[in-house]
Every structure is written in C-alpha cells, then in structure tokens.
Amino acid sequence: MAYVISDDCIACGTCIDECPVGAISEGDKYSINPEACTECGTCADVCPSEAIHPGE
C-alpha cells in the first residue's frame, strides 16, 4: 500500500525533498504516485502536519 496525502497537507514541500524515488508531485494538493512509492515512510516521518499516512 502506497502512502497517501490527506487534506491536512499544508503544501510546505518538506516531503518532496525527502522522497528517495521522487514519487511526490506538487499542486494545490500534493499527491503520491502509488506506482512509484516504495512505502519507505520517509515522507510521513518529516511531515509537520502529519498529513501523510499509509493508504488503505
């Protein structure tokens, strides 16, 4: 299960620099490409708003 970004995202950009495979895209709401996500959890660890969690 890839990680997902919830509506709690504040679009700070912290997660983008931390993703080792570049699976996160910017936009009005950031998103994670489930095909590229390796489920490492690094993005969730650095998210200041705790908006990133494992998908269901």
Protein backbone atom coordinates (compact mmCIF):
# COMPACT_ATOMS: atom_id res chain seq x y z
CA MET A 1 0.00 0.00 0.00
CA ALA A 2 1.45 3.30 -1.07
CA TYR A 3 1.35 6.29 1.22
CA VAL A 4 -1.30 8.97 0.65
CA ILE A 5 -1.53 12.66 1.47
CA SER A 6 -4.69 13.85 3.23
CA ASP A 7 -6.44 17.21 3.11
CA ASP A 8 -4.41 18.21 6.18
CA CYS A 9 -1.47 18.90 3.85
CA ILE A 10 -0.21 22.48 4.15
CA ALA A 11 1.85 22.27 0.92
CA CYS A 12 5.11 23.12 2.67
CA GLY A 13 7.21 20.96 0.32
CA THR A 14 9.17 19.17 3.04
CA CYS A 15 8.17 15.73 1.80
CA ILE A 16 9.22 16.31 -1.81
CA ASP A 17 12.90 16.75 -0.95
CA GLU A 18 12.86 13.68 1.30
CA CYS A 19 11.27 11.18 -1.11
CA PRO A 20 14.12 8.97 -2.42
CA VAL A 21 12.21 7.97 -5.58
CA GLY A 22 10.52 11.26 -6.49
CA ALA A 23 7.00 9.88 -6.06
CA ILE A 24 5.50 13.13 -4.71
CA SER A 25 4.02 15.77 -7.00
CA GLU A 26 3.28 19.41 -6.21
CA GLY A 27 -0.05 21.08 -6.85
CA ASP A 28 -2.91 22.67 -4.99
CA LYS A 29 -2.87 19.40 -3.11
CA TYR A 30 0.29 17.32 -3.11
CA SER A 31 -0.04 13.71 -4.23
CA ILE A 32 1.96 10.50 -4.16
CA ASN A 33 2.23 8.30 -7.23
CA PRO A 34 1.27 4.84 -5.90
CA GLU A 35 3.21 3.11 -8.70
CA ALA A 36 6.45 4.86 -7.71
CA CYS A 37 6.03 4.84 -3.91
CA THR A 38 8.29 2.28 -2.22
CA GLU A 39 6.45 2.61 1.12
CA CYS A 40 9.60 3.73 2.94
CA GLY A 41 7.66 6.19 5.13
CA THR A 42 10.27 8.93 4.95
CA CYS A 43 7.68 11.45 3.78
CA ALA A 44 5.39 10.67 6.72
CA ASP A 45 8.29 10.98 9.15
CA VAL A 46 9.09 14.56 8.06
CA CYS A 47 5.55 15.88 7.51
CA PRO A 48 4.92 18.70 10.02
CA SER A 49 1.14 18.45 9.70
CA GLU A 50 1.03 14.63 9.91
CA ALA A 51 -0.92 14.60 6.63
CA ILE A 52 0.81 11.54 5.15
CA HIS A 53 -0.18 8.01 6.08
CA PRO A 54 -0.27 4.51 4.58
CA GLY A 55 -3.08 4.06 2.07
CA GLU A 56 -5.86 1.57 2.56
